[in-house]
Amino acid sequence: MVENPYLDEGRVGVGESIPYPDGSFDLVFADNVLEHLPDPARVFAEVARVLRPGGVLLGKTPNKWRYVPLIAQLTPHAFHRWVVRWRGRASDDVFPTGYRANSRADIAR
């Protein structure tokens, strides 16, 4: 991302510490990220900090009650890494899932 010639600017950070000032964005988009958050409340607080008044967090994430997340929750992380390696992807491109912000009730909480 940092070396992408098509970006005007890029910074590397984590959801609990977004490297931008307060009120920097109208939109924050999380694409298949929410299922990996160990502490969603901290990340949501940080997103709220960098959003301008009226800004929006848009999240695309699997519903933890669908069959793929249910299976993922029942299998160990090492198995996920093995499947990804078997399919030809780098196993370090697989992140632990907690599904702590992947249902309407979880998000409301």
N, C-alpha and C. Protein backbone atom coordinates (compact mmCIF):
# COMPACT_ATOMS: atom_id res chain seq x y z
N MET A 1 0.82 -1.19 0.00
CA MET A 1 0.00 0.00 0.00
C MET A 1 0.86 1.25 0.00
N VAL A 2 1.92 1.26 0.80
CA VAL A 2 2.78 2.44 0.89
C VAL A 2 3.45 2.73 -0.44
N GLU A 3 3.74 1.69 -1.22
CA GLU A 3 4.43 1.87 -2.50
C GLU A 3 3.47 1.99 -3.69
N ASN A 4 2.17 2.04 -3.46
CA ASN A 4 1.19 2.11 -4.54
C ASN A 4 1.28 3.48 -5.22
N PRO A 5 1.66 3.53 -6.50
CA PRO A 5 1.83 4.82 -7.18
C PRO A 5 0.51 5.54 -7.45
N TYR A 6 -0.62 4.87 -7.27
CA TYR A 6 -1.91 5.48 -7.56
C TYR A 6 -2.54 6.14 -6.34
N LEU A 7 -1.89 6.06 -5.19
CA LEU A 7 -2.40 6.69 -3.97
C LEU A 7 -1.71 8.03 -3.76
N ASP A 8 -2.47 9.01 -3.33
CA ASP A 8 -1.88 10.29 -2.96
C ASP A 8 -1.17 10.19 -1.61
N GLU A 9 -1.70 9.35 -0.73
CA GLU A 9 -1.13 9.20 0.60
C GLU A 9 -1.53 7.85 1.16
N GLY A 10 -0.66 7.26 1.94
CA GLY A 10 -0.97 6.01 2.62
C GLY A 10 -0.17 5.92 3.90
N ARG A 11 -0.79 5.42 4.93
CA ARG A 11 -0.12 5.21 6.21
C ARG A 11 -0.48 3.82 6.73
N VAL A 12 0.42 3.25 7.48
CA VAL A 12 0.18 1.93 8.06
C VAL A 12 -0.13 2.12 9.54
N GLY A 13 -1.19 1.48 10.00
CA GLY A 13 -1.57 1.55 11.40
C GLY A 13 -2.42 0.35 11.76
N VAL A 14 -2.98 0.39 12.94
CA VAL A 14 -3.91 -0.64 13.38
C VAL A 14 -5.20 0.05 13.82
N GLY A 15 -6.27 -0.70 13.89
CA GLY A 15 -7.57 -0.13 14.20
C GLY A 15 -7.66 0.55 15.55
N GLU A 16 -6.84 0.11 16.49
CA GLU A 16 -6.86 0.72 17.82
C GLU A 16 -6.07 2.02 17.88
N SER A 17 -5.32 2.33 16.82
CA SER A 17 -4.50 3.53 16.78
C SER A 17 -4.35 3.98 15.33
N ILE A 18 -5.34 4.68 14.83
CA ILE A 18 -5.36 5.12 13.43
C ILE A 18 -4.49 6.37 13.31
N PRO A 19 -3.47 6.36 12.43
CA PRO A 19 -2.50 7.45 12.38
C PRO A 19 -2.99 8.68 11.61
N TYR A 20 -4.14 9.21 12.00
CA TYR A 20 -4.69 10.43 11.40
C TYR A 20 -5.30 11.27 12.52
N PRO A 21 -5.38 12.58 12.31
CA PRO A 21 -5.97 13.46 13.33
C PRO A 21 -7.48 13.26 13.48
N ASP A 22 -8.01 13.76 14.58
CA ASP A 22 -9.45 13.74 14.84
C ASP A 22 -10.20 14.34 13.65
N GLY A 23 -11.37 13.76 13.34
CA GLY A 23 -12.24 14.32 12.31
C GLY A 23 -11.66 14.37 10.92
N SER A 24 -10.85 13.39 10.55
CA SER A 24 -10.18 13.41 9.25
C SER A 24 -11.03 12.86 8.10
N PHE A 25 -12.04 12.04 8.39
CA PHE A 25 -12.72 11.31 7.32
C PHE A 25 -14.23 11.43 7.38
N ASP A 26 -14.84 11.39 6.20
CA ASP A 26 -16.30 11.28 6.09
C ASP A 26 -16.72 9.81 6.11
N LEU A 27 -15.82 8.93 5.68
CA LEU A 27 -16.13 7.51 5.56
C LEU A 27 -14.92 6.68 5.97
N VAL A 28 -15.17 5.67 6.79
CA VAL A 28 -14.18 4.64 7.10
C VAL A 28 -14.78 3.33 6.63
N PHE A 29 -14.04 2.58 5.83
CA PHE A 29 -14.53 1.34 5.25
C PHE A 29 -13.69 0.18 5.77
N ALA A 30 -14.34 -0.82 6.36
CA ALA A 30 -13.68 -2.02 6.86
C ALA A 30 -14.14 -3.20 6.00
N ASP A 31 -13.24 -3.72 5.19
CA ASP A 31 -13.57 -4.81 4.26
C ASP A 31 -13.00 -6.12 4.80
N ASN A 32 -13.88 -6.95 5.33
CA ASN A 32 -13.49 -8.24 5.93
C ASN A 32 -12.42 -8.06 7.00
N VAL A 33 -12.71 -7.15 7.93
CA VAL A 33 -11.81 -6.85 9.03
C VAL A 33 -12.48 -7.12 10.38
N LEU A 34 -13.76 -6.81 10.50
CA LEU A 34 -14.43 -6.85 11.79
C LEU A 34 -14.36 -8.22 12.47
N GLU A 35 -14.33 -9.27 11.70
CA GLU A 35 -14.28 -10.62 12.29
C GLU A 35 -12.94 -10.91 12.97
N HIS A 36 -11.95 -10.08 12.72
CA HIS A 36 -10.61 -10.30 13.28
C HIS A 36 -10.30 -9.44 14.50
N LEU A 37 -11.21 -8.56 14.88
CA LEU A 37 -10.91 -7.61 15.95
C LEU A 37 -10.96 -8.28 17.33
N PRO A 38 -9.86 -8.23 18.10
CA PRO A 38 -9.91 -8.77 19.45
C PRO A 38 -10.70 -7.89 20.42
N ASP A 39 -10.74 -6.58 20.15
CA ASP A 39 -11.46 -5.64 21.01
C ASP A 39 -12.21 -4.62 20.15
N PRO A 40 -13.36 -5.02 19.58
CA PRO A 40 -14.08 -4.13 18.68
C PRO A 40 -14.42 -2.77 19.28
N ALA A 41 -14.74 -2.70 20.56
CA ALA A 41 -15.11 -1.43 21.17
C ALA A 41 -13.98 -0.41 21.05
N ARG A 42 -12.74 -0.86 21.25
CA ARG A 42 -11.59 0.06 21.11
C ARG A 42 -11.44 0.55 19.69
N VAL A 43 -11.62 -0.35 18.73
CA VAL A 43 -11.50 0.03 17.32
C VAL A 43 -12.62 0.98 16.94
N PHE A 44 -13.86 0.69 17.37
CA PHE A 44 -14.98 1.56 17.04
C PHE A 44 -14.80 2.95 17.65
N ALA A 45 -14.24 3.02 18.85
CA ALA A 45 -13.97 4.32 19.48
C ALA A 45 -12.94 5.09 18.68
N GLU A 46 -11.92 4.41 18.18
CA GLU A 46 -10.89 5.07 17.38
C GLU A 46 -11.44 5.52 16.04
N VAL A 47 -12.29 4.70 15.43
CA VAL A 47 -12.94 5.10 14.18
C VAL A 47 -13.81 6.33 14.42
N ALA A 48 -14.56 6.34 15.51
CA ALA A 48 -15.39 7.51 15.85
C ALA A 48 -14.53 8.76 15.99
N ARG A 49 -13.35 8.60 16.53
CA ARG A 49 -12.45 9.75 16.71
C ARG A 49 -12.03 10.35 15.37
N VAL A 50 -11.71 9.50 14.38
CA VAL A 50 -11.21 10.02 13.10
C VAL A 50 -12.33 10.40 12.13
N LEU A 51 -13.58 10.04 12.46
CA LEU A 51 -14.70 10.44 11.60
C LEU A 51 -15.11 11.87 11.91
N ARG A 52 -15.47 12.59 10.85
CA ARG A 52 -16.05 13.93 11.03
C ARG A 52 -17.47 13.77 11.55
N PRO A 53 -18.05 14.81 12.14
CA PRO A 53 -19.46 14.73 12.55
C PRO A 53 -20.33 14.31 11.35
N GLY A 54 -21.17 13.33 11.57
CA GLY A 54 -22.00 12.81 10.48
C GLY A 54 -21.31 11.77 9.63
N GLY A 55 -20.05 11.46 9.93
CA GLY A 55 -19.30 10.47 9.17
C GLY A 55 -19.86 9.07 9.38
N VAL A 56 -19.45 8.15 8.52
CA VAL A 56 -20.02 6.80 8.50
C VAL A 56 -18.92 5.74 8.52
N LEU A 57 -19.12 4.72 9.33
CA LEU A 57 -18.32 3.51 9.27
C LEU A 57 -19.12 2.50 8.46
N LEU A 58 -18.53 2.03 7.38
CA LEU A 58 -19.16 1.02 6.54
C LEU A 58 -18.34 -0.25 6.66
N GLY A 59 -18.97 -1.32 7.14
CA GLY A 59 -18.25 -2.57 7.33
C GLY A 59 -18.84 -3.69 6.51
N LYS A 60 -17.99 -4.42 5.80
CA LYS A 60 -18.38 -5.62 5.08
C LYS A 60 -17.72 -6.79 5.80
N THR A 61 -18.54 -7.67 6.35
CA THR A 61 -18.02 -8.76 7.15
C THR A 61 -19.01 -9.92 7.16
N PRO A 62 -18.54 -11.14 7.35
CA PRO A 62 -19.48 -12.26 7.38
C PRO A 62 -20.32 -12.25 8.66
N ASN A 63 -21.56 -12.67 8.52
CA ASN A 63 -22.43 -12.84 9.68
C ASN A 63 -22.00 -14.12 10.39
N LYS A 64 -21.69 -14.00 11.69
CA LYS A 64 -21.14 -15.16 12.40
C LYS A 64 -22.10 -16.33 12.49
N TRP A 65 -23.36 -16.15 12.16
CA TRP A 65 -24.33 -17.24 12.24
C TRP A 65 -24.51 -17.97 10.91
N ARG A 66 -23.79 -17.59 9.87
CA ARG A 66 -23.84 -18.30 8.59
C ARG A 66 -22.90 -19.51 8.67
N TYR A 67 -23.03 -20.44 7.72
CA TYR A 67 -22.32 -21.71 7.83
C TYR A 67 -20.79 -21.58 7.76
N VAL A 68 -20.24 -20.72 6.92
CA VAL A 68 -18.78 -20.63 6.83
C VAL A 68 -18.18 -20.09 8.15
N PRO A 69 -18.69 -18.99 8.70
CA PRO A 69 -18.15 -18.57 10.00
C PRO A 69 -18.38 -19.58 11.12
N LEU A 70 -19.51 -20.27 11.09
CA LEU A 70 -19.73 -21.30 12.12
C LEU A 70 -18.67 -22.39 12.04
N ILE A 71 -18.37 -22.84 10.82
CA ILE A 71 -17.32 -23.86 10.64
C ILE A 71 -15.97 -23.28 11.06
N ALA A 72 -15.71 -22.03 10.68
CA ALA A 72 -14.43 -21.40 11.03
C ALA A 72 -14.26 -21.30 12.54
N GLN A 73 -15.34 -21.06 13.25
CA GLN A 73 -15.27 -20.95 14.70
C GLN A 73 -15.00 -22.30 15.37
N LEU A 74 -15.34 -23.38 14.67
CA LEU A 74 -15.17 -24.72 15.24
C LEU A 74 -13.84 -25.37 14.87
N THR A 75 -13.08 -24.74 13.99
CA THR A 75 -11.81 -25.32 13.56
C THR A 75 -10.65 -24.45 14.05
N PRO A 76 -9.52 -25.06 14.37
CA PRO A 76 -8.38 -24.29 14.87
C PRO A 76 -7.73 -23.43 13.78
N HIS A 77 -7.08 -22.38 14.21
CA HIS A 77 -6.42 -21.45 13.29
C HIS A 77 -5.39 -22.17 12.42
N ALA A 78 -4.69 -23.13 12.98
CA ALA A 78 -3.69 -23.88 12.21
C ALA A 78 -4.33 -24.58 11.01
N PHE A 79 -5.55 -25.05 11.16
CA PHE A 79 -6.26 -25.68 10.04
C PHE A 79 -6.52 -24.66 8.94
N HIS A 80 -6.92 -23.44 9.30
CA HIS A 80 -7.18 -22.38 8.31
C HIS A 80 -5.89 -22.09 7.53
N ARG A 81 -4.78 -22.01 8.26
CA ARG A 81 -3.49 -21.75 7.61
C ARG A 81 -3.14 -22.88 6.64
N TRP A 82 -3.40 -24.12 7.03
CA TRP A 82 -3.13 -25.26 6.17
C TRP A 82 -3.97 -25.20 4.89
N VAL A 83 -5.25 -24.89 5.03
CA VAL A 83 -6.15 -24.81 3.87
C VAL A 83 -5.65 -23.74 2.90
N VAL A 84 -5.27 -22.61 3.43
CA VAL A 84 -4.80 -21.51 2.58
C VAL A 84 -3.50 -21.90 1.86
N ARG A 85 -2.57 -22.55 2.57
CA ARG A 85 -1.34 -23.04 1.93
C ARG A 85 -1.67 -24.04 0.83
N TRP A 86 -2.58 -24.95 1.12
CA TRP A 86 -3.01 -25.97 0.15
C TRP A 86 -3.58 -25.33 -1.11
N ARG A 87 -4.27 -24.19 -0.92
CA ARG A 87 -4.86 -23.48 -2.07
C ARG A 87 -3.87 -22.58 -2.79
N GLY A 88 -2.61 -22.52 -2.29
CA GLY A 88 -1.56 -21.79 -2.99
C GLY A 88 -1.32 -20.37 -2.52
N ARG A 89 -1.91 -19.97 -1.40
CA ARG A 89 -1.68 -18.63 -0.84
C ARG A 89 -0.71 -18.73 0.33
N ALA A 90 -0.10 -17.61 0.66
CA ALA A 90 0.82 -17.58 1.81
C ALA A 90 0.03 -17.76 3.10
N SER A 91 0.49 -18.66 3.95
CA SER A 91 -0.25 -18.94 5.18
C SER A 91 -0.18 -17.79 6.18
N ASP A 92 0.77 -16.86 5.98
CA ASP A 92 0.81 -15.70 6.88
C ASP A 92 -0.23 -14.65 6.49
N ASP A 93 -1.00 -14.94 5.45
CA ASP A 93 -2.09 -14.06 5.01
C ASP A 93 -3.42 -14.49 5.63
N VAL A 94 -3.35 -15.27 6.71
CA VAL A 94 -4.54 -15.75 7.41
C VAL A 94 -4.47 -15.22 8.84
N PHE A 95 -5.53 -14.57 9.26
CA PHE A 95 -5.53 -13.93 10.57
C PHE A 95 -6.56 -14.60 11.48
N PRO A 96 -6.27 -14.70 12.77
CA PRO A 96 -7.24 -15.32 13.69
C PRO A 96 -8.57 -14.58 13.66
N THR A 97 -9.63 -15.34 13.81
CA THR A 97 -10.98 -14.75 13.82
C THR A 97 -11.61 -14.94 15.19
N GLY A 98 -12.32 -13.92 15.63
CA GLY A 98 -13.01 -13.98 16.91
C GLY A 98 -14.50 -13.77 16.77
N TYR A 99 -14.92 -13.18 15.64
CA TYR A 99 -16.35 -12.92 15.38
C TYR A 99 -17.01 -12.21 16.57
N ARG A 100 -16.36 -11.15 17.06
CA ARG A 100 -16.90 -10.37 18.19
C ARG A 100 -17.74 -9.19 17.74
N ALA A 101 -17.75 -8.90 16.43
CA ALA A 101 -18.54 -7.79 15.89
C ALA A 101 -19.20 -8.24 14.59
N ASN A 102 -19.81 -9.41 14.61
CA ASN A 102 -20.32 -9.99 13.39
C ASN A 102 -21.77 -10.44 13.48
N SER A 103 -22.53 -9.79 14.32
CA SER A 103 -23.98 -9.99 14.35
C SER A 103 -24.59 -8.66 14.74
N ARG A 104 -25.86 -8.50 14.49
CA ARG A 104 -26.53 -7.24 14.86
C ARG A 104 -26.41 -6.99 16.36
N ALA A 105 -26.58 -8.04 17.15
CA ALA A 105 -26.51 -7.90 18.62
C ALA A 105 -25.10 -7.50 19.06
N ASP A 106 -24.07 -8.11 18.45
CA ASP A 106 -22.70 -7.77 18.80
C ASP A 106 -22.41 -6.29 18.50
N ILE A 107 -22.82 -5.86 17.34
CA ILE A 107 -22.57 -4.45 16.94
C ILE A 107 -23.35 -3.50 17.83
N ALA A 108 -24.56 -3.84 18.15
CA ALA A 108 -25.37 -2.97 19.03
C ALA A 108 -24.71 -2.84 20.40
N ARG A 109 -24.14 -3.95 20.90
CA ARG A 109 -23.45 -3.92 22.19
C ARG A 109 -22.25 -3.02 22.11
